[in-house]
Amino acid sequence: MGVALAGSSALAQSKATTDSTKLDESEPTQRFTYGVTGGAMTFPDGRAQQSAGAVFRFHLPYGLAIAATPATAHMQYPTAIGGGTASGLTDLPLSFSVDHDIPHTPVSLGAEFAASVPVGDTATGFGSGKVGYSLSGGVNFSANDRLSFHVGAGRPLSDFSFQSPMGGSSSAWGDAEASYQLNDRFGVSLSMDSDLSSQDSLGASRAIGAGLSVALVGPTTLTITGGHGVSGAAARWTTAVGIGTDFAWIGSVASSSAMQRVVAALGGRSHSHSGHGKSVTTTTAGRKG
């Protein structure tokens, strides 16, 4: 899995905005949402990565949605593993999700099927060279208008992990988040992400995170997140900033955590066994430097 960059749950925003994107409406209020994200990560073996990406989501009736999250990355390698740098596109994640509010309860359920298109460069480690699949699901519980909780889990359906955030493995993963809306503009969150099993010699990857969301104009939301890997191959430190309309509705869905969606826009959801979250040996031919 990868790391739990948790904080994005902070994305829950004003009740008015959340109400405008009710998942159970037969026709969504916003047919199309988008966002852009930039961030940086450092890894246990000394690598440093900067990434930029975007998310484009098309909303269908009855809580269905289709999304694409293209991203590009720049990696700096320490001299201990050869030095140099590499830049390029990551594999392209595509997803189909469904979310449903259970009537007369504060609970919503969701599921997401995801696939990665192998457009990333395998020589630099940004691409897997083959299509990957994953399946995930989650539950959201709204204690009141301000406080909500998310619990989710997922697993790869191919021989590498596509969905696990911030560092790849073939493990099933789980995540939990709590978010609180301070007022109509500001929200905060705490979260944790962990491998449920691990084949990595470093052990299971686990991370904690926190985030802040700021409602700007209408559904446009600014998110600032940070995470710290506490074990395994999880990125030791992660920071990300995102802005867009897609982040406004995240707090109301159960198919994935807010953290996962922000990380996805950084290219953090398409990692093979030699992905960004692992100690890897990449040929110097694939680097500049």
C-alpha atoms as a PDB file:
ATOM      1  CA  MET A   1       0.000   0.000   0.000  1.00  0.00           C
ATOM      2  CA  GLY A   2       1.203   3.302   0.423  1.00  0.00           C
ATOM      3  CA  VAL A   3       0.953   5.876   2.766  1.00  0.00           C
ATOM      4  CA  ALA A   4      -1.713   7.531   4.337  1.00  0.00           C
ATOM      5  CA  LEU A   5      -1.534  11.015   3.485  1.00  0.00           C
ATOM      6  CA  ALA A   6      -4.508  11.548   5.362  1.00  0.00           C
ATOM      7  CA  GLY A   7      -5.393  14.963   5.833  1.00  0.00           C
ATOM      8  CA  SER A   8      -7.464  15.623   2.881  1.00  0.00           C
ATOM      9  CA  SER A   9     -10.614  14.840   4.699  1.00  0.00           C
ATOM     10  CA  ALA A  10     -10.454  18.395   5.576  1.00  0.00           C
ATOM     11  CA  LEU A  11     -12.266  18.764   2.383  1.00  0.00           C
ATOM     12  CA  ALA A  12     -15.642  18.673   3.969  1.00  0.00           C
ATOM     13  CA  GLN A  13     -16.960  22.143   3.427  1.00  0.00           C
ATOM     14  CA  SER A  14     -20.001  24.211   4.102  1.00  0.00           C
ATOM     15  CA  LYS A  15     -23.297  22.419   4.590  1.00  0.00           C
ATOM     16  CA  ALA A  16     -24.775  24.492   1.816  1.00  0.00           C
ATOM     17  CA  THR A  17     -22.162  23.230  -0.632  1.00  0.00           C
ATOM     18  CA  THR A  18     -22.547  19.634   0.512  1.00  0.00           C
ATOM     19  CA  ASP A  19     -26.314  19.844   0.121  1.00  0.00           C
ATOM     20  CA  SER A  20     -25.853  21.114  -3.430  1.00  0.00           C
ATOM     21  CA  THR A  21     -24.152  17.847  -4.385  1.00  0.00           C
ATOM     22  CA  LYS A  22     -26.434  15.276  -2.769  1.00  0.00           C
ATOM     23  CA  LEU A  23     -25.428  11.861  -3.965  1.00  0.00           C
ATOM     24  CA  ASP A  24     -28.931  10.421  -4.060  1.00  0.00           C
ATOM     25  CA  GLU A  25     -30.405  13.002  -6.397  1.00  0.00           C
ATOM     26  CA  SER A  26     -31.364  11.376  -9.688  1.00  0.00           C
ATOM     27  CA  GLU A  27     -29.730  14.301 -11.501  1.00  0.00           C
ATOM     28  CA  PRO A  28     -26.494  15.778 -10.039  1.00  0.00           C
ATOM     29  CA  THR A  29     -26.406  19.531  -9.508  1.00  0.00           C
ATOM     30  CA  GLN A  30     -22.865  19.686 -10.903  1.00  0.00           C
ATOM     31  CA  ARG A  31     -22.402  17.548 -13.987  1.00  0.00           C
ATOM     32  CA  PHE A  32     -18.638  18.149 -14.170  1.00  0.00           C
ATOM     33  CA  THR A  33     -16.067  18.868 -11.434  1.00  0.00           C
ATOM     34  CA  TYR A  34     -12.310  19.336 -11.627  1.00  0.00           C
ATOM     35  CA  GLY A  35      -9.241  20.162  -9.561  1.00  0.00           C
ATOM     36  CA  VAL A  36      -5.484  20.653  -9.761  1.00  0.00           C
ATOM     37  CA  THR A  37      -2.926  19.532  -7.186  1.00  0.00           C
ATOM     38  CA  GLY A  38       0.783  19.999  -6.515  1.00  0.00           C
ATOM     39  CA  GLY A  39       2.914  18.410  -3.838  1.00  0.00           C
ATOM     40  CA  ALA A  40       6.143  16.804  -2.685  1.00  0.00           C
ATOM     41  CA  MET A  41       7.204  13.570  -0.981  1.00  0.00           C
ATOM     42  CA  THR A  42      10.370  12.213   0.589  1.00  0.00           C
ATOM     43  CA  PHE A  43      11.039   8.480   0.954  1.00  0.00           C
ATOM     44  CA  PRO A  44      12.986   6.276   3.376  1.00  0.00           C
ATOM     45  CA  ASP A  45      15.771   5.571   0.859  1.00  0.00           C
ATOM     46  CA  GLY A  46      16.459   9.288   0.309  1.00  0.00           C
ATOM     47  CA  ARG A  47      14.443   9.858  -2.867  1.00  0.00           C
ATOM     48  CA  ALA A  48      12.484  13.096  -3.218  1.00  0.00           C
ATOM     49  CA  GLN A  49       9.527  13.511  -5.552  1.00  0.00           C
ATOM     50  CA  GLN A  50       7.603  16.567  -6.729  1.00  0.00           C
ATOM     51  CA  SER A  51       4.335  16.013  -8.538  1.00  0.00           C
ATOM     52  CA  ALA A  52       1.567  17.958 -10.233  1.00  0.00           C
ATOM     53  CA  GLY A  53      -1.716  16.619 -11.479  1.00  0.00           C
ATOM     54  CA  ALA A  54      -5.387  17.149 -12.103  1.00  0.00           C
ATOM     55  CA  VAL A  55      -8.705  15.391 -11.640  1.00  0.00           C
ATOM     56  CA  PHE A  56     -11.626  15.536 -14.059  1.00  0.00           C
ATOM     57  CA  ARG A  57     -14.885  13.940 -12.906  1.00  0.00           C
ATOM     58  CA  PHE A  58     -18.131  13.495 -14.812  1.00  0.00           C
ATOM     59  CA  HIS A  59     -21.178  12.984 -12.582  1.00  0.00           C
ATOM     60  CA  LEU A  60     -23.985  10.704 -13.688  1.00  0.00           C
ATOM     61  CA  PRO A  61     -27.419  10.243 -12.110  1.00  0.00           C
ATOM     62  CA  TYR A  62     -27.894   8.171  -8.945  1.00  0.00           C
ATOM     63  CA  GLY A  63     -24.485   8.776  -7.406  1.00  0.00           C
ATOM     64  CA  LEU A  64     -22.430   7.406 -10.287  1.00  0.00           C
ATOM     65  CA  ALA A  65     -19.241   9.119 -11.452  1.00  0.00           C
ATOM     66  CA  ILE A  66     -16.399   8.581 -13.924  1.00  0.00           C
ATOM     67  CA  ALA A  67     -13.005  10.202 -13.341  1.00  0.00           C
ATOM     68  CA  ALA A  68      -9.529  10.575 -14.849  1.00  0.00           C
ATOM     69  CA  THR A  69      -6.520  11.870 -12.900  1.00  0.00           C
ATOM     70  CA  PRO A  70      -3.487  12.550 -15.121  1.00  0.00           C
ATOM     71  CA  ALA A  71      -0.266  13.511 -13.342  1.00  0.00           C
ATOM     72  CA  THR A  72       3.405  14.206 -13.940  1.00  0.00           C
ATOM     73  CA  ALA A  73       6.292  13.670 -11.536  1.00  0.00           C
ATOM     74  CA  HIS A  74       9.932  14.631 -11.016  1.00  0.00           C
ATOM     75  CA  MET A  75      12.153  12.346  -8.931  1.00  0.00           C
ATOM     76  CA  GLN A  76      15.556  13.095  -7.409  1.00  0.00           C
ATOM     77  CA  TYR A  77      17.697  10.075  -6.491  1.00  0.00           C
ATOM     78  CA  PRO A  78      20.387  10.055  -3.766  1.00  0.00           C
ATOM     79  CA  THR A  79      23.934   9.090  -4.699  1.00  0.00           C
ATOM     80  CA  ALA A  80      23.559   5.906  -2.625  1.00  0.00           C
ATOM     81  CA  ILE A  81      21.264   4.454  -5.317  1.00  0.00           C
ATOM     82  CA  GLY A  82      22.935   6.022  -8.335  1.00  0.00           C
ATOM     83  CA  GLY A  83      22.002   9.694  -8.178  1.00  0.00           C
ATOM     84  CA  GLY A  84      20.423  11.691 -10.977  1.00  0.00           C
ATOM     85  CA  THR A  85      16.879  12.793 -11.718  1.00  0.00           C
ATOM     86  CA  ALA A  86      13.924  11.589 -13.758  1.00  0.00           C
ATOM     87  CA  SER A  87      10.751  13.300 -14.966  1.00  0.00           C
ATOM     88  CA  GLY A  88       7.674  12.188 -16.821  1.00  0.00           C
ATOM     89  CA  LEU A  89       4.029  11.179 -16.835  1.00  0.00           C
ATOM     90  CA  THR A  90       2.727   8.616 -14.374  1.00  0.00           C
ATOM     91  CA  ASP A  91       0.297   5.903 -15.426  1.00  0.00           C
ATOM     92  CA  LEU A  92      -3.175   7.347 -16.016  1.00  0.00           C
ATOM     93  CA  PRO A  93      -5.785   6.341 -13.399  1.00  0.00           C
ATOM     94  CA  LEU A  94      -9.396   5.968 -14.536  1.00  0.00           C
ATOM     95  CA  SER A  95     -12.181   5.196 -12.077  1.00  0.00           C
ATOM     96  CA  PHE A  96     -15.878   4.408 -11.894  1.00  0.00           C
ATOM     97  CA  SER A  97     -17.572   4.997  -8.542  1.00  0.00           C
ATOM     98  CA  VAL A  98     -21.011   4.770  -6.996  1.00  0.00           C
ATOM     99  CA  ASP A  99     -22.184   6.337  -3.730  1.00  0.00           C
ATOM    100  CA  HIS A 100     -25.534   5.999  -1.999  1.00  0.00           C
ATOM    101  CA  ASP A 101     -27.072   7.577   1.085  1.00  0.00           C
ATOM    102  CA  ILE A 102     -29.070   5.091   3.153  1.00  0.00           C
ATOM    103  CA  PRO A 103     -32.499   6.722   3.654  1.00  0.00           C
ATOM    104  CA  HIS A 104     -33.360   7.963   7.141  1.00  0.00           C
ATOM    105  CA  THR A 105     -29.855   7.250   8.451  1.00  0.00           C
ATOM    106  CA  PRO A 106     -26.602   9.256   8.745  1.00  0.00           C
ATOM    107  CA  VAL A 107     -24.767   6.530   6.776  1.00  0.00           C
ATOM    108  CA  SER A 108     -23.658   6.432   3.149  1.00  0.00           C
ATOM    109  CA  LEU A 109     -22.003   3.567   1.290  1.00  0.00           C
ATOM    110  CA  GLY A 110     -19.764   3.610  -1.750  1.00  0.00           C
ATOM    111  CA  ALA A 111     -17.578   1.517  -4.017  1.00  0.00           C
ATOM    112  CA  GLU A 112     -15.016   2.274  -6.700  1.00  0.00           C
ATOM    113  CA  PHE A 113     -13.495   0.229  -9.499  1.00  0.00           C
ATOM    114  CA  ALA A 114     -10.258   1.677 -10.888  1.00  0.00           C
ATOM    115  CA  ALA A 115      -7.936   0.901 -13.769  1.00  0.00           C
ATOM    116  CA  SER A 116      -4.610   2.409 -14.795  1.00  0.00           C
ATOM    117  CA  VAL A 117      -3.611   3.065 -18.405  1.00  0.00           C
ATOM    118  CA  PRO A 118       0.152   2.367 -18.760  1.00  0.00           C
ATOM    119  CA  VAL A 119       1.286   5.688 -20.231  1.00  0.00           C
ATOM    120  CA  GLY A 120       4.099   6.231 -17.710  1.00  0.00           C
ATOM    121  CA  ASP A 121       7.752   5.547 -18.530  1.00  0.00           C
ATOM    122  CA  THR A 122       8.825   2.196 -17.072  1.00  0.00           C
ATOM    123  CA  ALA A 123      12.516   3.135 -17.318  1.00  0.00           C
ATOM    124  CA  THR A 124      12.052   5.950 -14.803  1.00  0.00           C
ATOM    125  CA  GLY A 125       9.759   3.965 -12.516  1.00  0.00           C
ATOM    126  CA  PHE A 126       6.747   6.169 -13.242  1.00  0.00           C
ATOM    127  CA  GLY A 127       5.029   3.509 -15.322  1.00  0.00           C
ATOM    128  CA  SER A 128       4.124  -0.122 -14.731  1.00  0.00           C
ATOM    129  CA  GLY A 129       4.079  -1.180 -18.376  1.00  0.00           C
ATOM    130  CA  LYS A 130       0.694  -2.869 -18.059  1.00  0.00           C
ATOM    131  CA  VAL A 131      -2.891  -2.208 -17.102  1.00  0.00           C
ATOM    132  CA  GLY A 132      -3.680  -2.492 -13.396  1.00  0.00           C
ATOM    133  CA  TYR A 133      -7.004  -2.825 -11.570  1.00  0.00           C
ATOM    134  CA  SER A 134      -8.265  -2.320  -8.053  1.00  0.00           C
ATOM    135  CA  LEU A 135     -11.510  -2.370  -6.102  1.00  0.00           C
ATOM    136  CA  SER A 136     -12.300  -0.370  -2.981  1.00  0.00           C
ATOM    137  CA  GLY A 137     -15.253   0.530  -0.808  1.00  0.00           C
ATOM    138  CA  GLY A 138     -16.116   2.599   2.196  1.00  0.00           C
ATOM    139  CA  VAL A 139     -18.648   3.809   4.707  1.00  0.00           C
ATOM    140  CA  ASN A 140     -19.316   7.387   5.794  1.00  0.00           C
ATOM    141  CA  PHE A 141     -21.055   8.250   9.058  1.00  0.00           C
ATOM    142  CA  SER A 142     -22.200  11.811   9.764  1.00  0.00           C
ATOM    143  CA  ALA A 143     -22.484  12.270  13.510  1.00  0.00           C
ATOM    144  CA  ASN A 144     -23.956  15.736  12.943  1.00  0.00           C
ATOM    145  CA  ASP A 145     -23.774  18.609  10.460  1.00  0.00           C
ATOM    146  CA  ARG A 146     -20.110  19.251  11.337  1.00  0.00           C
ATOM    147  CA  LEU A 147     -18.531  15.928  12.315  1.00  0.00           C
ATOM    148  CA  SER A 148     -18.137  12.941   9.998  1.00  0.00           C
ATOM    149  CA  PHE A 149     -16.151   9.718   9.840  1.00  0.00           C
ATOM    150  CA  HIS A 150     -14.928   7.571   6.956  1.00  0.00           C
ATOM    151  CA  VAL A 151     -13.678   3.983   7.007  1.00  0.00           C
ATOM    152  CA  GLY A 152     -12.584   2.242   3.835  1.00  0.00           C
ATOM    153  CA  ALA A 153     -10.607  -0.670   2.444  1.00  0.00           C
ATOM    154  CA  GLY A 154      -9.427  -1.910  -0.920  1.00  0.00           C
ATOM    155  CA  ARG A 155      -7.269  -4.401  -2.723  1.00  0.00           C
ATOM    156  CA  PRO A 156      -5.563  -4.780  -6.083  1.00  0.00           C
ATOM    157  CA  LEU A 157      -7.113  -7.104  -8.638  1.00  0.00           C
ATOM    158  CA  SER A 158      -3.852  -7.427 -10.563  1.00  0.00           C
ATOM    159  CA  ASP A 159      -0.290  -8.235  -9.549  1.00  0.00           C
ATOM    160  CA  PHE A 160       0.473  -4.708  -8.439  1.00  0.00           C
ATOM    161  CA  SER A 161      -1.339  -2.147  -6.355  1.00  0.00           C
ATOM    162  CA  PHE A 162      -3.012   0.604  -8.334  1.00  0.00           C
ATOM    163  CA  GLN A 163      -5.055   2.287  -5.646  1.00  0.00           C
ATOM    164  CA  SER A 164      -2.922   2.219  -2.534  1.00  0.00           C
ATOM    165  CA  PRO A 165      -1.861   5.808  -1.936  1.00  0.00           C
ATOM    166  CA  MET A 166       1.635   7.194  -1.717  1.00  0.00           C
ATOM    167  CA  GLY A 167       3.731   4.134  -2.379  1.00  0.00           C
ATOM    168  CA  GLY A 168       2.957   0.896  -4.140  1.00  0.00           C
ATOM    169  CA  SER A 169       2.705  -2.680  -3.023  1.00  0.00           C
ATOM    170  CA  SER A 170       0.461  -5.608  -3.746  1.00  0.00           C
ATOM    171  CA  SER A 171      -1.184  -5.418  -0.338  1.00  0.00           C
ATOM    172  CA  ALA A 172      -4.772  -4.833   0.629  1.00  0.00           C
ATOM    173  CA  TRP A 173      -5.109  -1.545   2.468  1.00  0.00           C
ATOM    174  CA  GLY A 174      -7.418   0.231   4.876  1.00  0.00           C
ATOM    175  CA  ASP A 175      -7.937   3.850   5.862  1.00  0.00           C
ATOM    176  CA  ALA A 176      -9.878   5.878   8.399  1.00  0.00           C
ATOM    177  CA  GLU A 177     -10.599   9.592   8.607  1.00  0.00           C
ATOM    178  CA  ALA A 178     -12.403  12.007  10.884  1.00  0.00           C
ATOM    179  CA  SER A 179     -13.314  15.465   9.617  1.00  0.00           C
ATOM    180  CA  TYR A 180     -14.825  18.449  11.374  1.00  0.00           C
ATOM    181  CA  GLN A 181     -16.326  21.555   9.798  1.00  0.00           C
ATOM    182  CA  LEU A 182     -15.242  24.528  11.883  1.00  0.00           C
ATOM    183  CA  ASN A 183     -17.575  26.975  10.136  1.00  0.00           C
ATOM    184  CA  ASP A 184     -18.979  27.697   6.678  1.00  0.00           C
ATOM    185  CA  ARG A 185     -15.481  28.167   5.226  1.00  0.00           C
ATOM    186  CA  PHE A 186     -12.965  26.078   7.169  1.00  0.00           C
ATOM    187  CA  GLY A 187     -12.710  22.340   7.825  1.00  0.00           C
ATOM    188  CA  VAL A 188     -10.017  20.142   9.396  1.00  0.00           C
ATOM    189  CA  SER A 189      -9.327  16.412   9.352  1.00  0.00           C
ATOM    190  CA  LEU A 190      -7.144  13.647  10.764  1.00  0.00           C
ATOM    191  CA  SER A 191      -6.582  10.285   9.142  1.00  0.00           C
ATOM    192  CA  MET A 192      -4.577   7.086   9.085  1.00  0.00           C
ATOM    193  CA  ASP A 193      -3.793   4.662   6.276  1.00  0.00           C
ATOM    194  CA  SER A 194      -2.269   1.211   6.621  1.00  0.00           C
ATOM    195  CA  ASP A 195      -1.482  -1.996   4.769  1.00  0.00           C
ATOM    196  CA  LEU A 196      -3.724  -4.819   5.954  1.00  0.00           C
ATOM    197  CA  SER A 197      -1.017  -7.262   4.863  1.00  0.00           C
ATOM    198  CA  SER A 198       2.459  -6.811   3.459  1.00  0.00           C
ATOM    199  CA  GLN A 199       4.982  -8.683   1.325  1.00  0.00           C
ATOM    200  CA  ASP A 200       7.570  -5.930   1.745  1.00  0.00           C
ATOM    201  CA  SER A 201      10.794  -6.658   3.632  1.00  0.00           C
ATOM    202  CA  LEU A 202      10.327  -3.304   5.379  1.00  0.00           C
ATOM    203  CA  GLY A 203       6.991  -4.423   6.801  1.00  0.00           C
ATOM    204  CA  ALA A 204       3.531  -2.920   6.495  1.00  0.00           C
ATOM    205  CA  SER A 205       3.370   0.706   5.399  1.00  0.00           C
ATOM    206  CA  ARG A 206       1.451   3.016   7.716  1.00  0.00           C
ATOM    207  CA  ALA A 207       1.014   6.770   7.807  1.00  0.00           C
ATOM    208  CA  ILE A 208      -0.912   9.487   9.561  1.00  0.00           C
ATOM    209  CA  GLY A 209      -1.983  12.838   8.214  1.00  0.00           C
ATOM    210  CA  ALA A 210      -3.907  16.041   8.721  1.00  0.00           C
ATOM    211  CA  GLY A 211      -5.530  18.564   6.455  1.00  0.00           C
ATOM    212  CA  LEU A 212      -7.231  21.914   6.140  1.00  0.00           C
ATOM    213  CA  SER A 213      -9.909  22.895   3.634  1.00  0.00           C
ATOM    214  CA  VAL A 214     -11.009  26.421   2.785  1.00  0.00           C
ATOM    215  CA  ALA A 215     -14.178  27.133   0.803  1.00  0.00           C
ATOM    216  CA  LEU A 216     -13.401  29.923  -1.657  1.00  0.00           C
ATOM    217  CA  VAL A 217     -16.091  30.885  -4.175  1.00  0.00           C
ATOM    218  CA  GLY A 218     -19.097  28.624  -4.641  1.00  0.00           C
ATOM    219  CA  PRO A 219     -17.936  24.977  -4.761  1.00  0.00           C
ATOM    220  CA  THR A 220     -14.291  25.929  -5.373  1.00  0.00           C
ATOM    221  CA  THR A 221     -12.233  24.654  -2.436  1.00  0.00           C
ATOM    222  CA  LEU A 222      -8.591  25.036  -1.415  1.00  0.00           C
ATOM    223  CA  THR A 223      -7.040  22.035   0.363  1.00  0.00           C
ATOM    224  CA  ILE A 224      -3.735  21.847   2.229  1.00  0.00           C
ATOM    225  CA  THR A 225      -2.630  18.428   3.461  1.00  0.00           C
ATOM    226  CA  GLY A 226       0.367  16.854   5.119  1.00  0.00           C
ATOM    227  CA  GLY A 227       1.310  13.303   6.040  1.00  0.00           C
ATOM    228  CA  HIS A 228       4.012  11.372   7.871  1.00  0.00           C
ATOM    229  CA  GLY A 229       4.911   7.745   7.199  1.00  0.00           C
ATOM    230  CA  VAL A 230       5.483   5.879  10.447  1.00  0.00           C
ATOM    231  CA  SER A 231       6.488   2.437   9.131  1.00  0.00           C
ATOM    232  CA  GLY A 232       7.364   0.396   6.073  1.00  0.00           C
ATOM    233  CA  ALA A 233       7.965   1.993   2.691  1.00  0.00           C
ATOM    234  CA  ALA A 234       5.476   4.819   3.210  1.00  0.00           C
ATOM    235  CA  ALA A 235       6.690   8.262   2.177  1.00  0.00           C
ATOM    236  CA  ARG A 236       8.267   9.782   5.271  1.00  0.00           C
ATOM    237  CA  TRP A 237       6.832  13.237   4.625  1.00  0.00           C
ATOM    238  CA  THR A 238       4.168  14.398   2.200  1.00  0.00           C
ATOM    239  CA  THR A 239       2.695  17.814   1.491  1.00  0.00           C
ATOM    240  CA  ALA A 240       0.051  18.717  -1.065  1.00  0.00           C
ATOM    241  CA  VAL A 241      -2.011  21.735  -2.082  1.00  0.00           C
ATOM    242  CA  GLY A 242      -5.110  21.416  -4.248  1.00  0.00           C
ATOM    243  CA  ILE A 243      -7.760  23.749  -5.604  1.00  0.00           C
ATOM    244  CA  GLY A 244     -10.903  23.100  -7.591  1.00  0.00           C
ATOM    245  CA  THR A 245     -14.571  22.182  -7.549  1.00  0.00           C
ATOM    246  CA  ASP A 246     -13.999  18.429  -7.257  1.00  0.00           C
ATOM    247  CA  PHE A 247     -12.744  18.742  -3.697  1.00  0.00           C
ATOM    248  CA  ALA A 248     -15.991  20.356  -2.526  1.00  0.00           C
ATOM    249  CA  TRP A 249     -18.076  17.172  -2.728  1.00  0.00           C
ATOM    250  CA  ILE A 250     -15.492  14.774  -1.325  1.00  0.00           C
ATOM    251  CA  GLY A 251     -16.785  15.009   2.213  1.00  0.00           C
ATOM    252  CA  SER A 252     -20.136  13.597   1.118  1.00  0.00           C
ATOM    253  CA  VAL A 253     -18.954  10.416  -0.617  1.00  0.00           C
ATOM    254  CA  ALA A 254     -18.128   7.006   0.806  1.00  0.00           C
ATOM    255  CA  SER A 255     -16.419   5.260  -2.120  1.00  0.00           C
ATOM    256  CA  SER A 256     -13.033   6.705  -1.145  1.00  0.00           C
ATOM    257  CA  SER A 257     -11.547   9.026   1.421  1.00  0.00           C
ATOM    258  CA  ALA A 258     -10.820  12.653   0.673  1.00  0.00           C
ATOM    259  CA  MET A 259      -7.152  11.910   1.203  1.00  0.00           C
ATOM    260  CA  GLN A 260      -7.103   9.335  -1.546  1.00  0.00           C
ATOM    261  CA  ARG A 261      -8.588  11.725  -4.083  1.00  0.00           C
ATOM    262  CA  VAL A 262      -6.039  14.469  -3.449  1.00  0.00           C
ATOM    263  CA  VAL A 263      -3.179  11.960  -3.527  1.00  0.00           C
ATOM    264  CA  ALA A 264      -4.559  10.496  -6.751  1.00  0.00           C
ATOM    265  CA  ALA A 265      -4.164  13.870  -8.442  1.00  0.00           C
ATOM    266  CA  LEU A 266      -0.446  13.656  -7.583  1.00  0.00           C
ATOM    267  CA  GLY A 267      -0.039  10.359  -9.403  1.00  0.00           C
ATOM    268  CA  GLY A 268      -0.025   8.423  -6.137  1.00  0.00           C
ATOM    269  CA  ARG A 269      -2.394   5.680  -7.241  1.00  0.00           C
ATOM    270  CA  SER A 270      -0.467   3.859  -9.932  1.00  0.00           C
ATOM    271  CA  HIS A 271       2.466   2.056  -8.376  1.00  0.00           C
ATOM    272  CA  SER A 272       3.942  -1.271  -9.325  1.00  0.00           C
ATOM    273  CA  HIS A 273       6.122  -3.399  -7.047  1.00  0.00           C
ATOM    274  CA  SER A 274       8.935  -1.009  -7.947  1.00  0.00           C
ATOM    275  CA  GLY A 275       6.730   2.024  -7.496  1.00  0.00           C
ATOM    276  CA  HIS A 276       7.350   5.332  -5.820  1.00  0.00           C
ATOM    277  CA  GLY A 277       6.812   4.011  -2.318  1.00  0.00           C
ATOM    278  CA  LYS A 278       9.495   1.344  -2.421  1.00  0.00           C
ATOM    279  CA  SER A 279      13.251   1.230  -2.381  1.00  0.00           C
ATOM    280  CA  VAL A 280      13.874   0.758  -6.077  1.00  0.00           C
ATOM    281  CA  THR A 281      16.754   0.333  -8.444  1.00  0.00           C
ATOM    282  CA  THR A 282      16.142   2.379 -11.574  1.00  0.00           C
ATOM    283  CA  THR A 283      18.615   2.243 -14.423  1.00  0.00           C
ATOM    284  CA  THR A 284      20.640   5.381 -14.855  1.00  0.00           C
ATOM    285  CA  ALA A 285      19.697   5.323 -18.523  1.00  0.00           C
ATOM    286  CA  GLY A 286      16.258   6.431 -17.454  1.00  0.00           C
ATOM    287  CA  ARG A 287      17.536   9.463 -15.609  1.00  0.00           C
ATOM    288  CA  LYS A 288      19.020  12.824 -16.314  1.00  0.00           C
ATOM    289  CA  GLY A 289      22.034  13.576 -14.320  1.00  0.00           C
END
